[in-house]
Amino acid sequence: MPEGRTFLLVRQRIRWSLPGGTVRTCETPQECAQRELGEETGLAARSLVYLWQFTGFNKTHYVFLAELEEDVQAQPRNEIRSCRWFAPRDITTLLLSVPTRSILRLVPDDSDSVSAE
C-alpha cells in the first residue's frame, strides 16, 4: 500500500469502483464491507470505521474507511479484473461508477479529518 492518502479501486469491466457489494440478510453492513473487501481484493481490514450512508439506484450504500496493515498487496479476485491504489489527484481522470464518484466527492480533502477515533 503506498504511503499517504490513497484509495483502493477495483475494476470489473470498464469502470473503476470502490470495493463493495450487497448486504446479505444474515450480516451487518460492516460485515458485508469486510467480506466484499476480502472477496474482491484478498485484503482484510484491521478495522472499519463507518462514515455515512446514502440511497441511490434503489439501494442504500454504506461507506466505511478501512484501516489496513502496512505493506499489503491487493490481488484481483472473483469478478474483479484489476485493483490498484490511486492518489486523489489521479482519480479525476478515471472512468468511475456513479456511486463511487458520489462517494469520493464527499471524502474530506484533509485525511486527518477522517479518523478511527
PDB file of N, CA and C in Angstrom:
ATOM      1  N   MET A   1       0.861  -1.173   0.000  1.00  0.00           N
ATOM      2  CA  MET A   1       0.000   0.000   0.000  1.00  0.00           C
ATOM      3  C   MET A   1       0.904   1.231   0.000  1.00  0.00           C
ATOM      4  N   PRO A   2       0.707   2.150  -0.908  1.00  0.00           N
ATOM      5  CA  PRO A   2       1.532   3.351  -0.958  1.00  0.00           C
ATOM      6  C   PRO A   2       1.329   4.231   0.272  1.00  0.00           C
ATOM      7  N   GLU A   3       2.363   5.017   0.589  1.00  0.00           N
ATOM      8  CA  GLU A   3       2.235   5.945   1.712  1.00  0.00           C
ATOM      9  C   GLU A   3       1.368   7.123   1.306  1.00  0.00           C
ATOM     10  N   GLY A   4       0.825   7.794   2.315  1.00  0.00           N
ATOM     11  CA  GLY A   4      -0.022   8.947   2.053  1.00  0.00           C
ATOM     12  C   GLY A   4      -1.452   8.528   1.827  1.00  0.00           C
ATOM     13  N   ARG A   5      -2.230   9.484   1.444  1.00  0.00           N
ATOM     14  CA  ARG A   5      -3.668   9.255   1.270  1.00  0.00           C
ATOM     15  C   ARG A   5      -3.942   8.638  -0.093  1.00  0.00           C
ATOM     16  N   THR A   6      -4.480   7.422  -0.076  1.00  0.00           N
ATOM     17  CA  THR A   6      -4.784   6.738  -1.322  1.00  0.00           C
ATOM     18  C   THR A   6      -6.115   6.016  -1.214  1.00  0.00           C
ATOM     19  N   PHE A   7      -6.658   5.675  -2.364  1.00  0.00           N
ATOM     20  CA  PHE A   7      -7.916   4.935  -2.428  1.00  0.00           C
ATOM     21  C   PHE A   7      -7.689   3.671  -3.240  1.00  0.00           C
ATOM     22  N   LEU A   8      -8.205   2.564  -2.742  1.00  0.00           N
ATOM     23  CA  LEU A   8      -8.145   1.312  -3.475  1.00  0.00           C
ATOM     24  C   LEU A   8      -9.393   1.206  -4.338  1.00  0.00           C
ATOM     25  N   LEU A   9      -9.192   1.110  -5.640  1.00  0.00           N
ATOM     26  CA  LEU A   9     -10.302   0.960  -6.567  1.00  0.00           C
ATOM     27  C   LEU A   9     -10.167  -0.366  -7.300  1.00  0.00           C
ATOM     28  N   VAL A  10     -11.299  -0.950  -7.624  1.00  0.00           N
ATOM     29  CA  VAL A  10     -11.315  -2.208  -8.364  1.00  0.00           C
ATOM     30  C   VAL A  10     -12.046  -1.992  -9.685  1.00  0.00           C
ATOM     31  N   ARG A  11     -11.659  -2.768 -10.684  1.00  0.00           N
ATOM     32  CA  ARG A  11     -12.306  -2.661 -11.993  1.00  0.00           C
ATOM     33  C   ARG A  11     -12.869  -4.018 -12.368  1.00  0.00           C
ATOM     34  N   GLN A  12     -14.158  -4.027 -12.619  1.00  0.00           N
ATOM     35  CA  GLN A  12     -14.832  -5.261 -13.005  1.00  0.00           C
ATOM     36  C   GLN A  12     -14.853  -5.379 -14.530  1.00  0.00           C
ATOM     37  N   ARG A  13     -15.349  -4.397 -15.186  1.00  0.00           N
ATOM     38  CA  ARG A  13     -15.382  -4.387 -16.652  1.00  0.00           C
ATOM     39  C   ARG A  13     -14.669  -3.131 -17.138  1.00  0.00           C
ATOM     40  N   ILE A  14     -15.428  -2.061 -17.293  1.00  0.00           N
ATOM     41  CA  ILE A  14     -14.863  -0.820 -17.826  1.00  0.00           C
ATOM     42  C   ILE A  14     -14.610   0.199 -16.723  1.00  0.00           C
ATOM     43  N   ARG A  15     -15.554   0.320 -15.801  1.00  0.00           N
ATOM     44  CA  ARG A  15     -15.491   1.369 -14.777  1.00  0.00           C
ATOM     45  C   ARG A  15     -14.758   0.900 -13.520  1.00  0.00           C
ATOM     46  N   TRP A  16     -14.107   1.864 -12.885  1.00  0.00           N
ATOM     47  CA  TRP A  16     -13.469   1.631 -11.595  1.00  0.00           C
ATOM     48  C   TRP A  16     -14.477   1.928 -10.492  1.00  0.00           C
ATOM     49  N   SER A  17     -14.361   1.223  -9.384  1.00  0.00           N
ATOM     50  CA  SER A  17     -15.259   1.469  -8.251  1.00  0.00           C
ATOM     51  C   SER A  17     -14.546   1.107  -6.957  1.00  0.00           C
ATOM     52  N   LEU A  18     -15.118   1.559  -5.863  1.00  0.00           N
ATOM     53  CA  LEU A  18     -14.639   1.141  -4.552  1.00  0.00           C
ATOM     54  C   LEU A  18     -15.088  -0.298  -4.321  1.00  0.00           C
ATOM     55  N   PRO A  19     -14.329  -1.082  -3.565  1.00  0.00           N
ATOM     56  CA  PRO A  19     -14.790  -2.441  -3.254  1.00  0.00           C
ATOM     57  C   PRO A  19     -16.137  -2.382  -2.538  1.00  0.00           C
ATOM     58  N   GLY A  20     -17.022  -3.299  -2.865  1.00  0.00           N
ATOM     59  CA  GLY A  20     -18.324  -3.299  -2.206  1.00  0.00           C
ATOM     60  C   GLY A  20     -19.270  -4.289  -2.825  1.00  0.00           C
ATOM     61  N   GLY A  21     -20.447  -4.371  -2.242  1.00  0.00           N
ATOM     62  CA  GLY A  21     -21.447  -5.294  -2.747  1.00  0.00           C
ATOM     63  C   GLY A  21     -22.706  -5.245  -1.913  1.00  0.00           C
ATOM     64  N   THR A  22     -23.539  -6.244  -2.087  1.00  0.00           N
ATOM     65  CA  THR A  22     -24.846  -6.292  -1.452  1.00  0.00           C
ATOM     66  C   THR A  22     -24.782  -6.937  -0.074  1.00  0.00           C
ATOM     67  N   VAL A  23     -25.449  -6.296   0.892  1.00  0.00           N
ATOM     68  CA  VAL A  23     -25.531  -6.834   2.254  1.00  0.00           C
ATOM     69  C   VAL A  23     -26.451  -8.050   2.245  1.00  0.00           C
ATOM     70  N   ARG A  24     -25.954  -9.154   2.760  1.00  0.00           N
ATOM     71  CA  ARG A  24     -26.765 -10.368   2.865  1.00  0.00           C
ATOM     72  C   ARG A  24     -27.710 -10.257   4.059  1.00  0.00           C
ATOM     73  N   THR A  25     -28.776 -11.024   4.031  1.00  0.00           N
ATOM     74  CA  THR A  25     -29.784 -10.998   5.092  1.00  0.00           C
ATOM     75  C   THR A  25     -29.177 -11.270   6.461  1.00  0.00           C
ATOM     76  N   CYS A  26     -28.198 -12.141   6.527  1.00  0.00           N
ATOM     77  CA  CYS A  26     -27.639 -12.581   7.809  1.00  0.00           C
ATOM     78  C   CYS A  26     -26.461 -11.738   8.289  1.00  0.00           C
ATOM     79  N   GLU A  27     -26.148 -10.605   7.641  1.00  0.00           N
ATOM     80  CA  GLU A  27     -24.964  -9.847   8.035  1.00  0.00           C
ATOM     81  C   GLU A  27     -25.261  -8.358   8.195  1.00  0.00           C
ATOM     82  N   THR A  28     -24.381  -7.692   8.924  1.00  0.00           N
ATOM     83  CA  THR A  28     -24.470  -6.248   9.094  1.00  0.00           C
ATOM     84  C   THR A  28     -23.756  -5.571   7.922  1.00  0.00           C
ATOM     85  N   PRO A  29     -23.994  -4.271   7.710  1.00  0.00           N
ATOM     86  CA  PRO A  29     -23.251  -3.573   6.665  1.00  0.00           C
ATOM     87  C   PRO A  29     -21.734  -3.653   6.875  1.00  0.00           C
ATOM     88  N   GLN A  30     -21.289  -3.597   8.124  1.00  0.00           N
ATOM     89  CA  GLN A  30     -19.852  -3.689   8.398  1.00  0.00           C
ATOM     90  C   GLN A  30     -19.311  -5.074   8.032  1.00  0.00           C
ATOM     91  N   GLU A  31     -20.048  -6.113   8.355  1.00  0.00           N
ATOM     92  CA  GLU A  31     -19.628  -7.467   7.977  1.00  0.00           C
ATOM     93  C   GLU A  31     -19.585  -7.610   6.457  1.00  0.00           C
ATOM     94  N   CYS A  32     -20.543  -7.005   5.779  1.00  0.00           N
ATOM     95  CA  CYS A  32     -20.566  -7.029   4.320  1.00  0.00           C
ATOM     96  C   CYS A  32     -19.330  -6.330   3.751  1.00  0.00           C
ATOM     97  N   ALA A  33     -18.986  -5.175   4.296  1.00  0.00           N
ATOM     98  CA  ALA A  33     -17.819  -4.436   3.812  1.00  0.00           C
ATOM     99  C   ALA A  33     -16.551  -5.271   3.965  1.00  0.00           C
ATOM    100  N   GLN A  34     -16.399  -5.919   5.108  1.00  0.00           N
ATOM    101  CA  GLN A  34     -15.220  -6.763   5.336  1.00  0.00           C
ATOM    102  C   GLN A  34     -15.211  -7.945   4.359  1.00  0.00           C
ATOM    103  N   ARG A  35     -16.352  -8.588   4.183  1.00  0.00           N
ATOM    104  CA  ARG A  35     -16.454  -9.741   3.278  1.00  0.00           C
ATOM    105  C   ARG A  35     -16.144  -9.334   1.840  1.00  0.00           C
ATOM    106  N   GLU A  36     -16.757  -8.249   1.374  1.00  0.00           N
ATOM    107  CA  GLU A  36     -16.553  -7.816  -0.007  1.00  0.00           C
ATOM    108  C   GLU A  36     -15.111  -7.387  -0.262  1.00  0.00           C
ATOM    109  N   LEU A  37     -14.494  -6.722   0.706  1.00  0.00           N
ATOM    110  CA  LEU A  37     -13.089  -6.346   0.567  1.00  0.00           C
ATOM    111  C   LEU A  37     -12.242  -7.595   0.353  1.00  0.00           C
ATOM    112  N   GLY A  38     -12.489  -8.630   1.143  1.00  0.00           N
ATOM    113  CA  GLY A  38     -11.751  -9.881   1.002  1.00  0.00           C
ATOM    114  C   GLY A  38     -12.050 -10.594  -0.302  1.00  0.00           C
ATOM    115  N   GLU A  39     -13.324 -10.667  -0.659  1.00  0.00           N
ATOM    116  CA  GLU A  39     -13.711 -11.372  -1.888  1.00  0.00           C
ATOM    117  C   GLU A  39     -13.160 -10.700  -3.144  1.00  0.00           C
ATOM    118  N   GLU A  40     -13.061  -9.379  -3.131  1.00  0.00           N
ATOM    119  CA  GLU A  40     -12.645  -8.660  -4.332  1.00  0.00           C
ATOM    120  C   GLU A  40     -11.147  -8.399  -4.407  1.00  0.00           C
ATOM    121  N   THR A  41     -10.475  -8.313  -3.245  1.00  0.00           N
ATOM    122  CA  THR A  41      -9.060  -7.915  -3.245  1.00  0.00           C
ATOM    123  C   THR A  41      -8.147  -8.835  -2.449  1.00  0.00           C
ATOM    124  N   GLY A  42      -8.709  -9.755  -1.680  1.00  0.00           N
ATOM    125  CA  GLY A  42      -7.900 -10.613  -0.825  1.00  0.00           C
ATOM    126  C   GLY A  42      -7.415  -9.932   0.442  1.00  0.00           C
ATOM    127  N   LEU A  43      -7.861  -8.716   0.700  1.00  0.00           N
ATOM    128  CA  LEU A  43      -7.424  -7.966   1.879  1.00  0.00           C
ATOM    129  C   LEU A  43      -8.410  -8.129   3.029  1.00  0.00           C
ATOM    130  N   ALA A  44      -7.890  -7.972   4.239  1.00  0.00           N
ATOM    131  CA  ALA A  44      -8.728  -7.951   5.440  1.00  0.00           C
ATOM    132  C   ALA A  44      -8.434  -6.652   6.179  1.00  0.00           C
ATOM    133  N   ALA A  45      -9.471  -5.902   6.484  1.00  0.00           N
ATOM    134  CA  ALA A  45      -9.294  -4.641   7.202  1.00  0.00           C
ATOM    135  C   ALA A  45      -8.994  -4.915   8.667  1.00  0.00           C
ATOM    136  N   ARG A  46      -8.020  -4.191   9.209  1.00  0.00           N
ATOM    137  CA  ARG A  46      -7.739  -4.267  10.643  1.00  0.00           C
ATOM    138  C   ARG A  46      -8.909  -3.665  11.407  1.00  0.00           C
ATOM    139  N   SER A  47      -9.484  -2.608  10.839  1.00  0.00           N
ATOM    140  CA  SER A  47     -10.696  -2.016  11.410  1.00  0.00           C
ATOM    141  C   SER A  47     -11.468  -1.325  10.291  1.00  0.00           C
ATOM    142  N   LEU A  48     -12.764  -1.180  10.506  1.00  0.00           N
ATOM    143  CA  LEU A  48     -13.639  -0.467   9.577  1.00  0.00           C
ATOM    144  C   LEU A  48     -14.359   0.616  10.361  1.00  0.00           C
ATOM    145  N   VAL A  49     -14.288   1.834   9.863  1.00  0.00           N
ATOM    146  CA  VAL A  49     -14.943   2.967  10.506  1.00  0.00           C
ATOM    147  C   VAL A  49     -16.108   3.408   9.624  1.00  0.00           C
ATOM    148  N   TYR A  50     -17.314   3.388  10.193  1.00  0.00           N
ATOM    149  CA  TYR A  50     -18.499   3.843   9.462  1.00  0.00           C
ATOM    150  C   TYR A  50     -18.381   5.343   9.226  1.00  0.00           C
ATOM    151  N   LEU A  51     -18.571   5.773   7.974  1.00  0.00           N
ATOM    152  CA  LEU A  51     -18.525   7.192   7.646  1.00  0.00           C
ATOM    153  C   LEU A  51     -19.915   7.763   7.409  1.00  0.00           C
ATOM    154  N   TRP A  52     -20.677   7.170   6.496  1.00  0.00           N
ATOM    155  CA  TRP A  52     -22.020   7.642   6.204  1.00  0.00           C
ATOM    156  C   TRP A  52     -22.729   6.624   5.321  1.00  0.00           C
ATOM    157  N   GLN A  53     -23.980   6.927   5.019  1.00  0.00           N
ATOM    158  CA  GLN A  53     -24.743   6.107   4.079  1.00  0.00           C
ATOM    159  C   GLN A  53     -25.598   7.025   3.226  1.00  0.00           C
ATOM    160  N   PHE A  54     -25.941   6.542   2.044  1.00  0.00           N
ATOM    161  CA  PHE A  54     -26.835   7.293   1.168  1.00  0.00           C
ATOM    162  C   PHE A  54     -27.619   6.306   0.319  1.00  0.00           C
ATOM    163  N   THR A  55     -28.731   6.778  -0.216  1.00  0.00           N
ATOM    164  CA  THR A  55     -29.584   5.932  -1.036  1.00  0.00           C
ATOM    165  C   THR A  55     -29.448   6.338  -2.494  1.00  0.00           C
ATOM    166  N   GLY A  56     -29.323   5.348  -3.344  1.00  0.00           N
ATOM    167  CA  GLY A  56     -29.237   5.579  -4.779  1.00  0.00           C
ATOM    168  C   GLY A  56     -29.385   4.271  -5.518  1.00  0.00           C
ATOM    169  N   PHE A  57     -29.947   4.322  -6.706  1.00  0.00           N
ATOM    170  CA  PHE A  57     -30.164   3.116  -7.512  1.00  0.00           C
ATOM    171  C   PHE A  57     -30.956   2.072  -6.738  1.00  0.00           C
ATOM    172  N   ASN A  58     -31.969   2.533  -6.005  1.00  0.00           N
ATOM    173  CA  ASN A  58     -32.887   1.665  -5.260  1.00  0.00           C
ATOM    174  C   ASN A  58     -32.224   0.825  -4.179  1.00  0.00           C
ATOM    175  N   LYS A  59     -31.104   1.295  -3.639  1.00  0.00           N
ATOM    176  CA  LYS A  59     -30.493   0.600  -2.508  1.00  0.00           C
ATOM    177  C   LYS A  59     -29.716   1.592  -1.664  1.00  0.00           C
ATOM    178  N   THR A  60     -29.411   1.184  -0.453  1.00  0.00           N
ATOM    179  CA  THR A  60     -28.634   2.016   0.455  1.00  0.00           C
ATOM    180  C   THR A  60     -27.166   1.643   0.337  1.00  0.00           C
ATOM    181  N   HIS A  61     -26.318   2.647   0.186  1.00  0.00           N
ATOM    182  CA  HIS A  61     -24.871   2.456   0.116  1.00  0.00           C
ATOM    183  C   HIS A  61     -24.286   2.849   1.471  1.00  0.00           C
ATOM    184  N   TYR A  62     -23.543   1.947   2.092  1.00  0.00           N
ATOM    185  CA  TYR A  62     -22.871   2.203   3.362  1.00  0.00           C
ATOM    186  C   TYR A  62     -21.398   2.424   3.060  1.00  0.00           C
ATOM    187  N   VAL A  63     -20.835   3.486   3.605  1.00  0.00           N
ATOM    188  CA  VAL A  63     -19.452   3.841   3.311  1.00  0.00           C
ATOM    189  C   VAL A  63     -18.616   3.678   4.577  1.00  0.00           C
ATOM    190  N   PHE A  64     -17.524   2.929   4.448  1.00  0.00           N
ATOM    191  CA  PHE A  64     -16.609   2.674   5.555  1.00  0.00           C
ATOM    192  C   PHE A  64     -15.199   3.069   5.147  1.00  0.00           C
ATOM    193  N   LEU A  65     -14.421   3.501   6.120  1.00  0.00           N
ATOM    194  CA  LEU A  65     -12.995   3.725   5.947  1.00  0.00           C
ATOM    195  C   LEU A  65     -12.297   2.488   6.491  1.00  0.00           C
ATOM    196  N   ALA A  66     -11.490   1.838   5.673  1.00  0.00           N
ATOM    197  CA  ALA A  66     -10.790   0.621   6.090  1.00  0.00           C
ATOM    198  C   ALA A  66      -9.368   0.958   6.508  1.00  0.00           C
ATOM    199  N   GLU A  67      -8.987   0.481   7.683  1.00  0.00           N
ATOM    200  CA  GLU A  67      -7.602   0.582   8.130  1.00  0.00           C
ATOM    201  C   GLU A  67      -6.957  -0.764   7.841  1.00  0.00           C
ATOM    202  N   LEU A  68      -5.850  -0.728   7.078  1.00  0.00           N
ATOM    203  CA  LEU A  68      -5.186  -1.954   6.651  1.00  0.00           C
ATOM    204  C   LEU A  68      -3.796  -2.054   7.265  1.00  0.00           C
ATOM    205  N   GLU A  69      -3.274  -3.251   7.310  1.00  0.00           N
ATOM    206  CA  GLU A  69      -1.888  -3.450   7.724  1.00  0.00           C
ATOM    207  C   GLU A  69      -0.979  -2.769   6.696  1.00  0.00           C
ATOM    208  N   GLU A  70       0.233  -2.431   7.125  1.00  0.00           N
ATOM    209  CA  GLU A  70       1.181  -1.824   6.195  1.00  0.00           C
ATOM    210  C   GLU A  70       1.676  -2.866   5.200  1.00  0.00           C
ATOM    211  N   ASP A  71       2.074  -2.399   4.042  1.00  0.00           N
ATOM    212  CA  ASP A  71       2.670  -3.249   3.004  1.00  0.00           C
ATOM    213  C   ASP A  71       1.772  -4.384   2.539  1.00  0.00           C
ATOM    214  N   VAL A  72       0.482  -4.155   2.465  1.00  0.00           N
ATOM    215  CA  VAL A  72      -0.422  -5.182   1.944  1.00  0.00           C
ATOM    216  C   VAL A  72      -0.512  -5.052   0.425  1.00  0.00           C
ATOM    217  N   GLN A  73      -0.751  -6.151  -0.226  1.00  0.00           N
ATOM    218  CA  GLN A  73      -0.881  -6.183  -1.678  1.00  0.00           C
ATOM    219  C   GLN A  73      -2.280  -6.650  -2.053  1.00  0.00           C
ATOM    220  N   ALA A  74      -3.005  -5.812  -2.743  1.00  0.00           N
ATOM    221  CA  ALA A  74      -4.339  -6.190  -3.215  1.00  0.00           C
ATOM    222  C   ALA A  74      -4.198  -7.043  -4.470  1.00  0.00           C
ATOM    223  N   GLN A  75      -4.970  -8.111  -4.536  1.00  0.00           N
ATOM    224  CA  GLN A  75      -4.968  -9.017  -5.684  1.00  0.00           C
ATOM    225  C   GLN A  75      -6.400  -9.170  -6.190  1.00  0.00           C
ATOM    226  N   PRO A  76      -6.627  -8.968  -7.493  1.00  0.00           N
ATOM    227  CA  PRO A  76      -7.989  -9.124  -8.007  1.00  0.00           C
ATOM    228  C   PRO A  76      -8.490 -10.553  -7.831  1.00  0.00           C
ATOM    229  N   ARG A  77      -9.731 -10.666  -7.378  1.00  0.00           N
ATOM    230  CA  ARG A  77     -10.351 -11.972  -7.167  1.00  0.00           C
ATOM    231  C   ARG A  77     -11.757 -11.969  -7.747  1.00  0.00           C
ATOM    232  N   ASN A  78     -12.293 -13.165  -7.926  1.00  0.00           N
ATOM    233  CA  ASN A  78     -13.657 -13.354  -8.428  1.00  0.00           C
ATOM    234  C   ASN A  78     -13.869 -12.579  -9.722  1.00  0.00           C
ATOM    235  N   GLU A  79     -14.854 -11.699  -9.750  1.00  0.00           N
ATOM    236  CA  GLU A  79     -15.193 -10.981 -10.979  1.00  0.00           C
ATOM    237  C   GLU A  79     -14.316  -9.763 -11.237  1.00  0.00           C
ATOM    238  N   ILE A  80     -13.390  -9.461 -10.341  1.00  0.00           N
ATOM    239  CA  ILE A  80     -12.558  -8.261 -10.445  1.00  0.00           C
ATOM    240  C   ILE A  80     -11.398  -8.508 -11.407  1.00  0.00           C
ATOM    241  N   ARG A  81     -11.224  -7.604 -12.360  1.00  0.00           N
ATOM    242  CA  ARG A  81     -10.124  -7.724 -13.326  1.00  0.00           C
ATOM    243  C   ARG A  81      -8.838  -7.084 -12.829  1.00  0.00           C
ATOM    244  N   SER A  82      -8.983  -6.005 -12.064  1.00  0.00           N
ATOM    245  CA  SER A  82      -7.809  -5.253 -11.641  1.00  0.00           C
ATOM    246  C   SER A  82      -8.120  -4.516 -10.351  1.00  0.00           C
ATOM    247  N   CYS A  83      -7.121  -4.347  -9.503  1.00  0.00           N
ATOM    248  CA  CYS A  83      -7.264  -3.469  -8.333  1.00  0.00           C
ATOM    249  C   CYS A  83      -5.956  -2.703  -8.171  1.00  0.00           C
ATOM    250  N   ARG A  84      -6.108  -1.401  -7.904  1.00  0.00           N
ATOM    251  CA  ARG A  84      -4.944  -0.515  -7.805  1.00  0.00           C
ATOM    252  C   ARG A  84      -5.197   0.573  -6.781  1.00  0.00           C
ATOM    253  N   TRP A  85      -4.090   1.087  -6.248  1.00  0.00           N
ATOM    254  CA  TRP A  85      -4.136   2.239  -5.350  1.00  0.00           C
ATOM    255  C   TRP A  85      -3.990   3.500  -6.188  1.00  0.00           C
ATOM    256  N   PHE A  86      -4.809   4.509  -5.888  1.00  0.00           N
ATOM    257  CA  PHE A  86      -4.755   5.770  -6.608  1.00  0.00           C
ATOM    258  C   PHE A  86      -4.661   6.931  -5.626  1.00  0.00           C
ATOM    259  N   ALA A  87      -3.835   7.914  -5.972  1.00  0.00           N
ATOM    260  CA  ALA A  87      -3.824   9.181  -5.243  1.00  0.00           C
ATOM    261  C   ALA A  87      -5.061   9.969  -5.674  1.00  0.00           C
ATOM    262  N   PRO A  88      -5.603  10.814  -4.790  1.00  0.00           N
ATOM    263  CA  PRO A  88      -6.811  11.574  -5.146  1.00  0.00           C
ATOM    264  C   PRO A  88      -6.687  12.341  -6.461  1.00  0.00           C
ATOM    265  N   ARG A  89      -5.527  12.923  -6.732  1.00  0.00           N
ATOM    266  CA  ARG A  89      -5.360  13.716  -7.963  1.00  0.00           C
ATOM    267  C   ARG A  89      -5.462  12.853  -9.223  1.00  0.00           C
ATOM    268  N   ASP A  90      -5.157  11.562  -9.114  1.00  0.00           N
ATOM    269  CA  ASP A  90      -5.197  10.672 -10.275  1.00  0.00           C
ATOM    270  C   ASP A  90      -6.590  10.112 -10.547  1.00  0.00           C
ATOM    271  N   ILE A  91      -7.468  10.170  -9.568  1.00  0.00           N
ATOM    272  CA  ILE A  91      -8.805   9.595  -9.710  1.00  0.00           C
ATOM    273  C   ILE A  91      -9.665  10.401 -10.677  1.00  0.00           C
ATOM    274  N   THR A  92      -9.398  11.692 -10.791  1.00  0.00           N
ATOM    275  CA  THR A  92     -10.233  12.553 -11.634  1.00  0.00           C
ATOM    276  C   THR A  92     -10.193  12.155 -13.107  1.00  0.00           C
ATOM    277  N   THR A  93      -9.165  11.440 -13.520  1.00  0.00           N
ATOM    278  CA  THR A  93      -9.039  11.050 -14.926  1.00  0.00           C
ATOM    279  C   THR A  93      -9.651   9.679 -15.223  1.00  0.00           C
ATOM    280  N   LEU A  94     -10.146   8.986 -14.199  1.00  0.00           N
ATOM    281  CA  LEU A  94     -10.659   7.627 -14.368  1.00  0.00           C
ATOM    282  C   LEU A  94     -12.140   7.609 -14.720  1.00  0.00           C
ATOM    283  N   LEU A  95     -12.550   6.575 -15.407  1.00  0.00           N
ATOM    284  CA  LEU A  95     -13.963   6.315 -15.645  1.00  0.00           C
ATOM    285  C   LEU A  95     -14.475   5.567 -14.417  1.00  0.00           C
ATOM    286  N   LEU A  96     -15.280   6.255 -13.586  1.00  0.00           N
ATOM    287  CA  LEU A  96     -15.745   5.707 -12.311  1.00  0.00           C
ATOM    288  C   LEU A  96     -17.218   5.336 -12.374  1.00  0.00           C
ATOM    289  N   SER A  97     -17.608   4.386 -11.520  1.00  0.00           N
ATOM    290  CA  SER A  97     -19.032   4.097 -11.359  1.00  0.00           C
ATOM    291  C   SER A  97     -19.696   5.315 -10.720  1.00  0.00           C
ATOM    292  N   VAL A  98     -20.979   5.478 -10.955  1.00  0.00           N
ATOM    293  CA  VAL A  98     -21.705   6.635 -10.416  1.00  0.00           C
ATOM    294  C   VAL A  98     -21.649   6.667  -8.886  1.00  0.00           C
ATOM    295  N   PRO A  99     -21.931   5.560  -8.173  1.00  0.00           N
ATOM    296  CA  PRO A  99     -21.839   5.620  -6.707  1.00  0.00           C
ATOM    297  C   PRO A  99     -20.429   5.963  -6.214  1.00  0.00           C
ATOM    298  N   THR A 100     -19.402   5.424  -6.871  1.00  0.00           N
ATOM    299  CA  THR A 100     -18.026   5.714  -6.455  1.00  0.00           C
ATOM    300  C   THR A 100     -17.711   7.184  -6.633  1.00  0.00           C
ATOM    301  N   ARG A 101     -18.100   7.757  -7.758  1.00  0.00           N
ATOM    302  CA  ARG A 101     -17.863   9.190  -7.976  1.00  0.00           C
ATOM    303  C   ARG A 101     -18.565  10.014  -6.894  1.00  0.00           C
ATOM    304  N   SER A 102     -19.788   9.645  -6.544  1.00  0.00           N
ATOM    305  CA  SER A 102     -20.532  10.359  -5.496  1.00  0.00           C
ATOM    306  C   SER A 102     -19.832  10.245  -4.150  1.00  0.00           C
ATOM    307  N   ILE A 103     -19.368   9.063  -3.825  1.00  0.00           N
ATOM    308  CA  ILE A 103     -18.688   8.841  -2.544  1.00  0.00           C
ATOM    309  C   ILE A 103     -17.401   9.640  -2.478  1.00  0.00           C
ATOM    310  N   LEU A 104     -16.585   9.581  -3.521  1.00  0.00           N
ATOM    311  CA  LEU A 104     -15.291  10.260  -3.493  1.00  0.00           C
ATOM    312  C   LEU A 104     -15.435  11.774  -3.450  1.00  0.00           C
ATOM    313  N   ARG A 105     -16.527  12.309  -3.963  1.00  0.00           N
ATOM    314  CA  ARG A 105     -16.776  13.757  -3.854  1.00  0.00           C
ATOM    315  C   ARG A 105     -17.013  14.178  -2.405  1.00  0.00           C
ATOM    316  N   LEU A 106     -17.518  13.262  -1.590  1.00  0.00           N
ATOM    317  CA  LEU A 106     -17.844  13.573  -0.195  1.00  0.00           C
ATOM    318  C   LEU A 106     -16.678  13.378   0.766  1.00  0.00           C
ATOM    319  N   VAL A 107     -15.604  12.742   0.306  1.00  0.00           N
ATOM    320  CA  VAL A 107     -14.463  12.491   1.186  1.00  0.00           C
ATOM    321  C   VAL A 107     -13.753  13.813   1.449  1.00  0.00           C
ATOM    322  N   PRO A 108     -13.491  14.126   2.728  1.00  0.00           N
ATOM    323  CA  PRO A 108     -12.813  15.385   3.054  1.00  0.00           C
ATOM    324  C   PRO A 108     -11.446  15.478   2.382  1.00  0.00           C
ATOM    325  N   ASP A 109     -11.049  16.697   2.036  1.00  0.00           N
ATOM    326  CA  ASP A 109      -9.743  16.909   1.410  1.00  0.00           C
ATOM    327  C   ASP A 109      -8.600  16.587   2.355  1.00  0.00           C
ATOM    328  N   ASP A 110      -8.805  16.803   3.640  1.00  0.00           N
ATOM    329  CA  ASP A 110      -7.765  16.568   4.639  1.00  0.00           C
ATOM    330  C   ASP A 110      -7.976  15.191   5.249  1.00  0.00           C
ATOM    331  N   SER A 111      -7.068  14.275   5.004  1.00  0.00           N
ATOM    332  CA  SER A 111      -7.232  12.906   5.506  1.00  0.00           C
ATOM    333  C   SER A 111      -7.249  12.852   7.025  1.00  0.00           C
ATOM    334  N   ASP A 112      -6.696  13.860   7.700  1.00  0.00           N
ATOM    335  CA  ASP A 112      -6.716  13.873   9.162  1.00  0.00           C
ATOM    336  C   ASP A 112      -8.116  14.094   9.711  1.00  0.00           C
ATOM    337  N   SER A 113      -9.026  14.600   8.878  1.00  0.00           N
ATOM    338  CA  SER A 113     -10.378  14.855   9.370  1.00  0.00           C
ATOM    339  C   SER A 113     -11.220  13.585   9.411  1.00  0.00           C
ATOM    340  N   VAL A 114     -10.700  12.494   8.864  1.00  0.00           N
ATOM    341  CA  VAL A 114     -11.372  11.198   8.941  1.00  0.00           C
ATOM    342  C   VAL A 114     -10.478  10.283   9.753  1.00  0.00           C
ATOM    343  N   SER A 115     -10.902   9.970  10.958  1.00  0.00           N
ATOM    344  CA  SER A 115     -10.073   9.119  11.807  1.00  0.00           C
ATOM    345  C   SER A 115     -10.920   8.059  12.473  1.00  0.00           C
ATOM    346  N   ALA A 116     -10.245   7.082  13.027  1.00  0.00           N
ATOM    347  CA  ALA A 116     -10.937   5.972  13.685  1.00  0.00           C
ATOM    348  C   ALA A 116     -11.302   6.306  15.120  1.00  0.00           C
ATOM    349  N   GLU A 117     -10.956   7.456  15.589  1.00  0.00           N
ATOM    350  CA  GLU A 117     -11.241   7.815  16.984  1.00  0.00           C
ATOM    351  C   GLU A 117     -12.608   8.437  17.138  1.00  0.00           C
TER     352      GLU A 117
END
